[in-house]
């Protein structure tokens, strides 16, 4: 039976995004492989994610714990899942217990959540978990993330006080309309330089997660190693009225 047209469109859209990301990486003097594209399936059905998996993609992200906990068991175990955004303390253990192939948490924004993650990884006996510290580069009160002036302090805590976490770099959400100004990206690059210097981390081993559907090429040109693409691959998000 032929796949629905919308599903074929998602795979084609992913290929186009990967090509654009690769060209942007090359413009910044890096190989296409130096940039990871996370396909963010917020509000989208498992069937659509499965189609991208069948097309060869392995890196997926979700913004809500419940959605990730529901989807992950329905998809193959070699997917590398990213949880993106603010994580509540009481959701840490359920998330890690349910999603054994969680590869990275993009959004540690305080010491308390870092400690919760560290303890949960240890108590579940799973391998170390990669984390990115979330920085609020736009100064919007509605945004999670630590103030840029405190990014070194939090990075230091994750790296030195959380032995079951792997401090991998920094991330930012950017502006509300998902199209950041270069200043937002520049602020994260500046934070990276500060953290690398303070913790003696080689810059080439440091992740920067910035850039979404509206601005990922510019983000890559400014040094992003990880872009989070939802609507450009999957189409606009759908928020149906919940029946339950």
Protein backbone atom coordinates (compact mmCIF):
# COMPACT_ATOMS: atom_id res chain seq x y z
CA UNK A 1 0.00 0.00 0.00
CA UNK A 2 1.36 3.43 -0.87
CA UNK A 3 2.39 5.66 2.01
CA UNK A 4 0.25 8.77 2.56
CA UNK A 5 1.50 11.77 0.60
CA UNK A 6 2.24 13.72 3.79
CA UNK A 7 4.61 11.02 4.99
CA UNK A 8 6.55 11.01 1.73
CA UNK A 9 6.76 14.78 2.04
CA UNK A 10 8.43 14.55 5.47
CA UNK A 11 11.27 12.37 4.17
CA UNK A 12 11.78 14.69 1.22
CA UNK A 13 11.76 17.70 3.54
CA UNK A 14 14.35 16.04 5.78
CA UNK A 15 16.64 15.44 2.80
CA UNK A 16 16.33 19.10 1.83
CA UNK A 17 17.13 20.23 5.40
CA UNK A 18 20.18 17.93 5.59
CA UNK A 19 21.44 19.35 2.29
CA UNK A 20 20.95 22.95 3.47
CA UNK A 21 22.64 22.19 6.79
CA UNK A 22 25.56 20.57 4.99
CA UNK A 23 26.07 23.58 2.73
CA UNK A 24 25.91 25.95 5.72
CA UNK A 25 28.53 23.83 7.53
CA UNK A 26 30.80 24.02 4.50
CA UNK A 27 30.37 27.79 4.37
CA UNK A 28 31.62 27.89 7.97
CA UNK A 29 34.67 25.82 7.04
CA UNK A 30 33.42 22.53 8.49
CA UNK A 31 32.34 19.18 7.08
CA UNK A 32 28.61 18.51 6.70
CA UNK A 33 29.00 15.70 9.26
CA UNK A 34 30.05 18.27 11.88
CA UNK A 35 26.42 19.36 12.28
CA UNK A 36 23.70 17.19 13.78
CA UNK A 37 20.11 17.68 12.66
CA UNK A 38 17.61 16.75 15.38
CA UNK A 39 14.17 16.07 13.91
CA UNK A 40 11.73 17.44 16.50
CA UNK A 41 8.43 15.60 16.32
CA UNK A 42 6.37 17.64 18.77
CA UNK A 43 2.63 16.85 18.30
CA UNK A 44 3.41 14.56 15.33
CA UNK A 45 2.41 10.88 15.15
CA UNK A 46 4.85 8.01 15.55
CA UNK A 47 4.12 6.95 11.93
CA UNK A 48 5.69 10.15 10.65
CA UNK A 49 8.82 9.70 12.78
CA UNK A 50 9.02 6.08 11.66
CA UNK A 51 9.10 7.20 8.07
CA UNK A 52 12.15 9.37 8.73
CA UNK A 53 13.74 6.45 10.57
CA UNK A 54 13.12 4.24 7.54
CA UNK A 55 14.79 6.93 5.41
CA UNK A 56 17.91 6.51 7.57
CA UNK A 57 17.55 9.25 10.19
CA UNK A 58 18.44 8.36 13.79
CA UNK A 59 18.38 11.58 15.80
CA UNK A 60 15.00 12.74 17.10
CA UNK A 61 13.89 15.24 19.73
CA UNK A 62 10.81 15.97 21.82
CA UNK A 63 9.83 18.92 24.01
CA UNK A 64 7.38 17.20 26.35
CA UNK A 65 8.22 14.32 28.68
CA UNK A 66 4.85 12.61 28.23
CA UNK A 67 5.18 12.67 24.45
CA UNK A 68 8.69 11.25 24.53
CA UNK A 69 7.79 8.56 27.08
CA UNK A 70 4.85 7.52 24.86
CA UNK A 71 6.68 7.58 21.52
CA UNK A 72 10.08 6.08 22.37
CA UNK A 73 8.88 2.53 23.16
CA UNK A 74 7.01 2.43 19.83
CA UNK A 75 10.16 3.14 17.81
CA UNK A 76 13.47 1.30 17.30
CA UNK A 77 16.03 1.35 20.09
CA UNK A 78 18.90 2.67 17.99
CA UNK A 79 17.26 6.10 17.84
CA UNK A 80 19.24 8.76 19.73
CA UNK A 81 16.61 10.80 21.57
CA UNK A 82 17.12 14.39 22.71
CA UNK A 83 14.89 15.96 25.34
CA UNK A 84 14.74 19.67 24.52
CA UNK A 85 13.84 22.47 26.90
CA UNK A 86 12.98 22.90 30.55
CA UNK A 87 12.73 19.66 32.53
CA UNK A 88 10.86 19.49 35.83
CA UNK A 89 12.51 17.65 38.72
CA UNK A 90 9.61 15.25 39.24
CA UNK A 91 9.76 14.18 35.57
CA UNK A 92 13.45 13.26 35.56
CA UNK A 93 13.27 9.69 36.81
CA UNK A 94 10.15 8.70 34.80
CA UNK A 95 11.82 10.06 31.66
CA UNK A 96 15.13 8.25 32.18
CA UNK A 97 13.45 5.02 33.24
CA UNK A 98 11.13 4.93 30.22
CA UNK A 99 13.56 6.15 27.54
CA UNK A 100 16.64 3.98 27.91
CA UNK A 101 18.03 5.36 24.64
CA UNK A 102 17.84 9.01 25.75
CA UNK A 103 21.09 10.39 24.37
CA UNK A 104 21.04 14.02 25.51
CA UNK A 105 19.13 16.49 27.64
CA UNK A 106 19.24 19.93 26.00
CA UNK A 107 18.14 22.17 28.77
CA UNK A 108 19.87 21.94 32.16
CA UNK A 109 19.18 25.42 33.50
CA UNK A 110 20.00 25.11 37.23
CA UNK A 111 22.06 23.04 39.66
CA UNK A 112 19.01 21.35 41.15
CA UNK A 113 17.96 19.74 37.86
CA UNK A 114 21.57 18.71 37.17
CA UNK A 115 21.69 16.99 40.57
CA UNK A 116 18.37 15.23 39.93
CA UNK A 117 19.60 13.96 36.57
CA UNK A 118 22.90 12.82 38.04
CA UNK A 119 21.20 10.86 40.83
CA UNK A 120 18.63 9.31 38.48
CA UNK A 121 21.29 8.12 36.02
CA UNK A 122 23.18 6.55 38.92
CA UNK A 123 20.17 4.89 40.56
CA UNK A 124 18.94 3.44 37.26
CA UNK A 125 22.38 2.07 36.52
CA UNK A 126 22.44 3.48 33.00
CA UNK A 127 25.45 4.86 31.17
CA UNK A 128 26.45 8.53 31.54
CA UNK A 129 24.01 11.03 30.04
CA UNK A 130 25.09 13.91 27.82
CA UNK A 131 23.69 17.29 28.83
CA UNK A 132 23.77 20.82 27.47
CA UNK A 133 23.43 23.84 29.73
CA UNK A 134 20.60 26.10 28.56
CA UNK A 135 21.42 29.79 28.34
CA UNK A 136 18.77 32.51 28.04
CA UNK A 137 20.44 34.64 25.36
CA UNK A 138 17.37 36.73 24.53
CA UNK A 139 16.68 37.97 28.06
CA UNK A 140 12.98 37.12 27.75
CA UNK A 141 11.38 36.32 31.08
CA UNK A 142 9.19 33.65 29.49
CA UNK A 143 12.29 31.68 28.52
CA UNK A 144 14.04 29.07 30.60
CA UNK A 145 17.80 29.16 30.76
CA UNK A 146 20.52 30.59 32.90
CA UNK A 147 21.71 34.16 32.53
CA UNK A 148 24.85 34.30 30.35
CA UNK A 149 26.80 35.75 33.28
CA UNK A 150 26.26 32.49 35.19
CA UNK A 151 26.91 29.93 32.45
CA UNK A 152 30.47 29.18 33.60
CA UNK A 153 29.29 28.53 37.15
CA UNK A 154 26.59 26.06 36.06
CA UNK A 155 28.84 24.36 33.49
CA UNK A 156 31.47 23.91 36.20
CA UNK A 157 28.89 22.33 38.53
CA UNK A 158 27.75 19.84 35.87
CA UNK A 159 31.29 18.93 34.87
CA UNK A 160 32.81 18.65 38.34
CA UNK A 161 29.94 17.76 40.69
CA UNK A 162 27.81 15.45 38.50
CA UNK A 163 29.92 12.36 37.72
CA UNK A 164 27.11 10.56 35.88
CA UNK A 165 26.55 13.42 33.43
CA UNK A 166 28.70 14.37 30.47
CA UNK A 167 28.83 18.14 30.12
CA UNK A 168 28.74 18.52 26.33
CA UNK A 169 28.15 22.23 25.70
CA UNK A 170 25.49 24.93 25.61
CA UNK A 171 22.11 25.50 24.01
CA UNK A 172 19.72 28.40 23.54
CA UNK A 173 16.11 28.61 22.39
CA UNK A 174 16.46 32.04 20.78
CA UNK A 175 13.67 34.48 20.15
CA UNK A 176 9.97 33.76 20.51
CA UNK A 177 9.31 33.69 16.77
CA UNK A 178 12.05 31.05 16.39
CA UNK A 179 14.16 33.34 14.27
CA UNK A 180 17.04 34.53 16.36
CA UNK A 181 18.99 37.65 15.72
CA UNK A 182 22.72 37.15 15.24
CA UNK A 183 23.12 38.73 18.71
CA UNK A 184 21.45 35.70 20.34
CA UNK A 185 23.84 33.35 18.60
CA UNK A 186 26.81 35.61 19.26
CA UNK A 187 25.93 35.62 22.97
CA UNK A 188 26.05 31.80 23.03
CA UNK A 189 29.35 31.73 21.13
CA UNK A 190 30.77 34.18 23.69
CA UNK A 191 29.55 31.92 26.52
CA UNK A 192 31.22 28.95 24.82
CA UNK A 193 34.57 30.76 24.74
CA UNK A 194 34.26 31.66 28.41
CA UNK A 195 33.35 28.13 29.47
CA UNK A 196 36.06 26.50 27.34
CA UNK A 197 38.65 28.81 28.86
CA UNK A 198 37.45 28.36 32.44
CA UNK A 199 37.15 24.57 32.26
CA UNK A 200 40.03 24.01 29.83
CA UNK A 201 37.84 22.28 27.24
CA UNK A 202 39.08 22.23 23.62
CA UNK A 203 36.62 24.31 21.56
CA UNK A 204 36.36 21.63 18.88
CA UNK A 205 34.98 19.19 21.49
CA UNK A 206 32.24 21.60 22.56
CA UNK A 207 28.65 21.43 21.34
CA UNK A 208 26.53 24.48 20.55
CA UNK A 209 22.84 23.79 20.06
CA UNK A 210 21.26 26.80 18.40
CA UNK A 211 19.07 27.24 15.37
CA UNK A 212 15.59 26.00 14.47
CA UNK A 213 13.45 25.92 11.35
CA UNK A 214 13.58 29.67 10.71
CA UNK A 215 17.25 30.33 11.31
CA UNK A 216 19.28 27.11 11.31
CA UNK A 217 21.53 28.00 8.38
CA UNK A 218 22.64 31.24 10.01
CA UNK A 219 23.13 29.39 13.32
CA UNK A 220 25.37 26.81 11.64
CA UNK A 221 27.38 29.55 9.94
CA UNK A 222 27.94 31.07 13.40
CA UNK A 223 29.17 27.78 14.87
CA UNK A 224 26.17 25.63 15.80
CA UNK A 225 26.87 21.89 15.91
CA UNK A 226 23.27 20.86 16.63
CA UNK A 227 20.10 22.26 15.06
CA UNK A 228 16.55 21.40 16.12
CA UNK A 229 14.17 21.24 13.16
CA UNK A 230 10.44 20.64 13.54
CA UNK A 231 8.00 22.42 11.24
CA UNK A 232 10.31 22.59 8.20
CA UNK A 233 10.39 18.78 8.21
CA UNK A 234 7.00 17.86 9.61
CA UNK A 235 4.82 20.83 8.71
CA UNK A 236 3.05 23.11 11.23
CA UNK A 237 2.49 21.74 14.69
CA UNK A 238 -0.95 20.38 15.46
CA UNK A 239 -2.61 20.92 18.81
CA UNK A 240 -5.86 18.93 18.69
CA UNK A 241 -8.40 19.41 21.45
CA UNK A 242 -7.57 16.75 23.98
CA UNK A 243 -10.45 14.35 24.39
CA UNK A 244 -9.26 12.77 27.63
